[in-house]
Amino acid sequence: MYNKIFKLIIAGLIVALAIWQFTEGNIGNGIMFIFLSLIFVFLYFKNEFILLAFLRLRKQDFHGAQNWLNKIKSPKQH
C-alpha cells in the first residue's frame, strides 16, 4: 500500500515523540508511542494485503481473501 521508506520515517517520528514524552515525564504516553511505532516496523516487514487476506480467511470469506491476494503486484518478492 505505502512505500517502505514512509513506514520507516513514520516509525522514526513516533519514536522521537516517545522519547520526548519520556523526557517530559509522561511515561505512559511514551510506552504507548513505542508500541505504536512497533506496528509500523511490523508493517515494514509484512505486506498489508497479506494481513488483510488473513483477516478475511478467519471469517471464512475465501472470495474476499482471493481479492486481496490478487492485488499483490509481485508475489515473488513477498
N, C-alpha and C. Protein backbone atom coordinates (compact mmCIF):
# COMPACT_ATOMS: atom_id res chain seq x y z
N MET A 1 0.82 -1.18 0.00
CA MET A 1 0.00 0.00 0.00
C MET A 1 0.87 1.25 0.00
N TYR A 2 1.73 1.35 0.98
CA TYR A 2 2.57 2.53 1.09
C TYR A 2 4.02 2.14 0.85
N ASN A 3 4.81 3.11 0.46
CA ASN A 3 6.21 2.89 0.25
C ASN A 3 6.88 2.55 1.57
N LYS A 4 7.86 1.66 1.53
CA LYS A 4 8.51 1.21 2.76
C LYS A 4 9.29 2.32 3.45
N ILE A 5 9.78 3.27 2.70
CA ILE A 5 10.52 4.38 3.29
C ILE A 5 9.61 5.21 4.18
N PHE A 6 8.36 5.42 3.73
CA PHE A 6 7.42 6.19 4.54
C PHE A 6 7.12 5.50 5.86
N LYS A 7 7.06 4.18 5.85
CA LYS A 7 6.81 3.44 7.08
C LYS A 7 7.94 3.64 8.08
N LEU A 8 9.17 3.62 7.59
CA LEU A 8 10.31 3.83 8.49
C LEU A 8 10.36 5.27 8.99
N ILE A 9 10.02 6.22 8.14
CA ILE A 9 10.02 7.62 8.56
C ILE A 9 8.96 7.84 9.63
N ILE A 10 7.78 7.29 9.44
CA ILE A 10 6.71 7.44 10.43
C ILE A 10 7.11 6.77 11.74
N ALA A 11 7.71 5.58 11.66
CA ALA A 11 8.15 4.90 12.88
C ALA A 11 9.21 5.71 13.60
N GLY A 12 10.14 6.31 12.86
CA GLY A 12 11.17 7.14 13.47
C GLY A 12 10.60 8.37 14.14
N LEU A 13 9.63 9.01 13.51
CA LEU A 13 9.00 10.18 14.11
C LEU A 13 8.23 9.82 15.39
N ILE A 14 7.59 8.67 15.37
CA ILE A 14 6.85 8.24 16.56
C ILE A 14 7.81 7.90 17.70
N VAL A 15 8.95 7.30 17.38
CA VAL A 15 9.95 7.01 18.42
C VAL A 15 10.51 8.31 18.99
N ALA A 16 10.74 9.30 18.13
CA ALA A 16 11.20 10.60 18.62
C ALA A 16 10.16 11.24 19.53
N LEU A 17 8.89 11.11 19.17
CA LEU A 17 7.82 11.61 20.01
C LEU A 17 7.78 10.87 21.34
N ALA A 18 8.03 9.57 21.32
CA ALA A 18 8.05 8.78 22.55
C ALA A 18 9.19 9.22 23.45
N ILE A 19 10.35 9.47 22.87
CA ILE A 19 11.49 9.94 23.68
C ILE A 19 11.18 11.29 24.30
N TRP A 20 10.54 12.15 23.54
CA TRP A 20 10.16 13.46 24.08
C TRP A 20 9.18 13.30 25.24
N GLN A 21 8.24 12.37 25.11
CA GLN A 21 7.28 12.13 26.19
C GLN A 21 7.98 11.57 27.42
N PHE A 22 9.00 10.72 27.23
CA PHE A 22 9.76 10.21 28.37
C PHE A 22 10.49 11.33 29.10
N THR A 23 11.07 12.26 28.34
CA THR A 23 11.80 13.35 28.97
C THR A 23 10.87 14.33 29.68
N GLU A 24 9.64 14.43 29.23
CA GLU A 24 8.67 15.31 29.88
C GLU A 24 8.06 14.67 31.12
N GLY A 25 8.32 13.39 31.32
CA GLY A 25 7.79 12.70 32.49
C GLY A 25 6.50 11.94 32.24
N ASN A 26 6.06 11.90 31.01
CA ASN A 26 4.84 11.16 30.66
C ASN A 26 5.23 9.75 30.20
N ILE A 27 5.49 8.89 31.16
CA ILE A 27 5.99 7.55 30.87
C ILE A 27 4.94 6.72 30.11
N GLY A 28 3.69 6.82 30.53
CA GLY A 28 2.63 6.05 29.88
C GLY A 28 2.46 6.41 28.43
N ASN A 29 2.50 7.70 28.13
CA ASN A 29 2.40 8.12 26.73
C ASN A 29 3.59 7.63 25.91
N GLY A 30 4.77 7.68 26.51
CA GLY A 30 5.97 7.21 25.81
C GLY A 30 5.89 5.73 25.47
N ILE A 31 5.41 4.92 26.41
CA ILE A 31 5.27 3.49 26.17
C ILE A 31 4.24 3.24 25.08
N MET A 32 3.14 3.98 25.11
CA MET A 32 2.11 3.83 24.09
C MET A 32 2.67 4.17 22.70
N PHE A 33 3.48 5.22 22.60
CA PHE A 33 4.06 5.59 21.31
C PHE A 33 5.08 4.56 20.84
N ILE A 34 5.81 3.94 21.76
CA ILE A 34 6.73 2.87 21.38
C ILE A 34 5.96 1.71 20.76
N PHE A 35 4.85 1.32 21.41
CA PHE A 35 4.03 0.24 20.85
C PHE A 35 3.44 0.63 19.50
N LEU A 36 3.05 1.89 19.35
CA LEU A 36 2.52 2.35 18.07
C LEU A 36 3.58 2.30 16.98
N SER A 37 4.82 2.64 17.32
CA SER A 37 5.88 2.57 16.32
C SER A 37 6.20 1.13 15.94
N LEU A 38 6.00 0.19 16.86
CA LEU A 38 6.25 -1.22 16.53
C LEU A 38 5.28 -1.72 15.47
N ILE A 39 4.09 -1.15 15.42
CA ILE A 39 3.14 -1.53 14.37
C ILE A 39 3.70 -1.16 13.00
N PHE A 40 4.27 0.02 12.88
CA PHE A 40 4.83 0.44 11.59
C PHE A 40 6.08 -0.36 11.24
N VAL A 41 6.87 -0.74 12.23
CA VAL A 41 8.03 -1.58 11.96
C VAL A 41 7.57 -2.96 11.51
N PHE A 42 6.52 -3.50 12.13
CA PHE A 42 5.96 -4.79 11.71
C PHE A 42 5.45 -4.71 10.27
N LEU A 43 4.76 -3.62 9.94
CA LEU A 43 4.24 -3.47 8.59
C LEU A 43 5.35 -3.25 7.57
N TYR A 44 6.54 -2.84 8.03
CA TYR A 44 7.67 -2.70 7.12
C TYR A 44 8.07 -4.07 6.57
N PHE A 45 7.98 -5.09 7.42
CA PHE A 45 8.42 -6.42 7.02
C PHE A 45 7.29 -7.28 6.44
N LYS A 46 6.05 -6.92 6.68
CA LYS A 46 4.91 -7.69 6.17
C LYS A 46 4.15 -6.87 5.15
N ASN A 47 3.52 -7.55 4.25
CA ASN A 47 2.69 -6.90 3.25
C ASN A 47 1.29 -6.71 3.83
N GLU A 48 0.73 -5.53 3.70
CA GLU A 48 -0.59 -5.25 4.26
C GLU A 48 -1.67 -6.09 3.61
N PHE A 49 -1.51 -6.36 2.33
CA PHE A 49 -2.52 -7.15 1.63
C PHE A 49 -2.59 -8.57 2.17
N ILE A 50 -1.44 -9.11 2.55
CA ILE A 50 -1.44 -10.46 3.12
C ILE A 50 -2.14 -10.45 4.47
N LEU A 51 -1.91 -9.43 5.27
CA LEU A 51 -2.57 -9.34 6.58
C LEU A 51 -4.09 -9.20 6.42
N LEU A 52 -4.51 -8.40 5.44
CA LEU A 52 -5.95 -8.25 5.21
C LEU A 52 -6.56 -9.54 4.67
N ALA A 53 -5.81 -10.29 3.88
CA ALA A 53 -6.30 -11.58 3.40
C ALA A 53 -6.46 -12.57 4.55
N PHE A 54 -5.52 -12.55 5.51
CA PHE A 54 -5.64 -13.42 6.68
C PHE A 54 -6.88 -13.08 7.50
N LEU A 55 -7.20 -11.80 7.60
CA LEU A 55 -8.41 -11.42 8.33
C LEU A 55 -9.65 -11.95 7.63
N ARG A 56 -9.65 -11.93 6.30
CA ARG A 56 -10.78 -12.48 5.56
C ARG A 56 -10.87 -13.99 5.72
N LEU A 57 -9.71 -14.66 5.77
CA LEU A 57 -9.73 -16.11 5.94
C LEU A 57 -10.26 -16.51 7.31
N ARG A 58 -10.01 -15.70 8.33
CA ARG A 58 -10.55 -16.01 9.66
C ARG A 58 -12.06 -15.98 9.67
N LYS A 59 -12.65 -15.16 8.78
CA LYS A 59 -14.11 -15.07 8.69
C LYS A 59 -14.68 -16.06 7.66
N GLN A 60 -13.84 -16.94 7.13
CA GLN A 60 -14.23 -17.92 6.12
C GLN A 60 -14.71 -17.27 4.82
N ASP A 61 -14.22 -16.06 4.55
CA ASP A 61 -14.57 -15.35 3.32
C ASP A 61 -13.44 -15.56 2.31
N PHE A 62 -13.51 -16.68 1.59
CA PHE A 62 -12.44 -17.05 0.68
C PHE A 62 -12.42 -16.17 -0.56
N HIS A 63 -13.58 -15.72 -0.99
CA HIS A 63 -13.63 -14.83 -2.16
C HIS A 63 -12.97 -13.48 -1.82
N GLY A 64 -13.25 -12.95 -0.64
CA GLY A 64 -12.64 -11.69 -0.22
C GLY A 64 -11.14 -11.82 -0.05
N ALA A 65 -10.68 -12.97 0.48
CA ALA A 65 -9.24 -13.20 0.63
C ALA A 65 -8.57 -13.28 -0.74
N GLN A 66 -9.24 -13.93 -1.68
CA GLN A 66 -8.69 -14.02 -3.03
C GLN A 66 -8.58 -12.64 -3.68
N ASN A 67 -9.54 -11.77 -3.42
CA ASN A 67 -9.48 -10.41 -3.96
C ASN A 67 -8.28 -9.66 -3.40
N TRP A 68 -8.02 -9.79 -2.10
CA TRP A 68 -6.87 -9.11 -1.51
C TRP A 68 -5.56 -9.67 -2.03
N LEU A 69 -5.50 -10.99 -2.20
CA LEU A 69 -4.26 -11.59 -2.69
C LEU A 69 -4.01 -11.24 -4.16
N ASN A 70 -5.05 -11.03 -4.92
CA ASN A 70 -4.87 -10.63 -6.32
C ASN A 70 -4.34 -9.22 -6.46
N LYS A 71 -4.43 -8.40 -5.43
CA LYS A 71 -3.93 -7.03 -5.50
C LYS A 71 -2.42 -6.93 -5.30
N ILE A 72 -1.78 -8.03 -4.92
CA ILE A 72 -0.33 -8.03 -4.77
C ILE A 72 0.29 -8.04 -6.16
N LYS A 73 1.13 -7.04 -6.42
CA LYS A 73 1.68 -6.86 -7.76
C LYS A 73 2.77 -7.87 -8.09
N SER A 74 3.69 -8.12 -7.17
CA SER A 74 4.77 -9.07 -7.45
C SER A 74 4.88 -10.05 -6.28
N PRO A 75 4.16 -11.15 -6.35
CA PRO A 75 4.12 -12.09 -5.21
C PRO A 75 5.45 -12.79 -4.96
N LYS A 76 6.34 -12.81 -5.90
CA LYS A 76 7.64 -13.47 -5.69
C LYS A 76 8.50 -12.72 -4.68
N GLN A 77 8.30 -11.42 -4.53
CA GLN A 77 9.09 -10.63 -3.59
C GLN A 77 8.63 -10.79 -2.16
N HIS A 78 7.40 -11.19 -1.94
CA HIS A 78 6.84 -11.25 -0.60
C HIS A 78 6.88 -12.67 -0.18
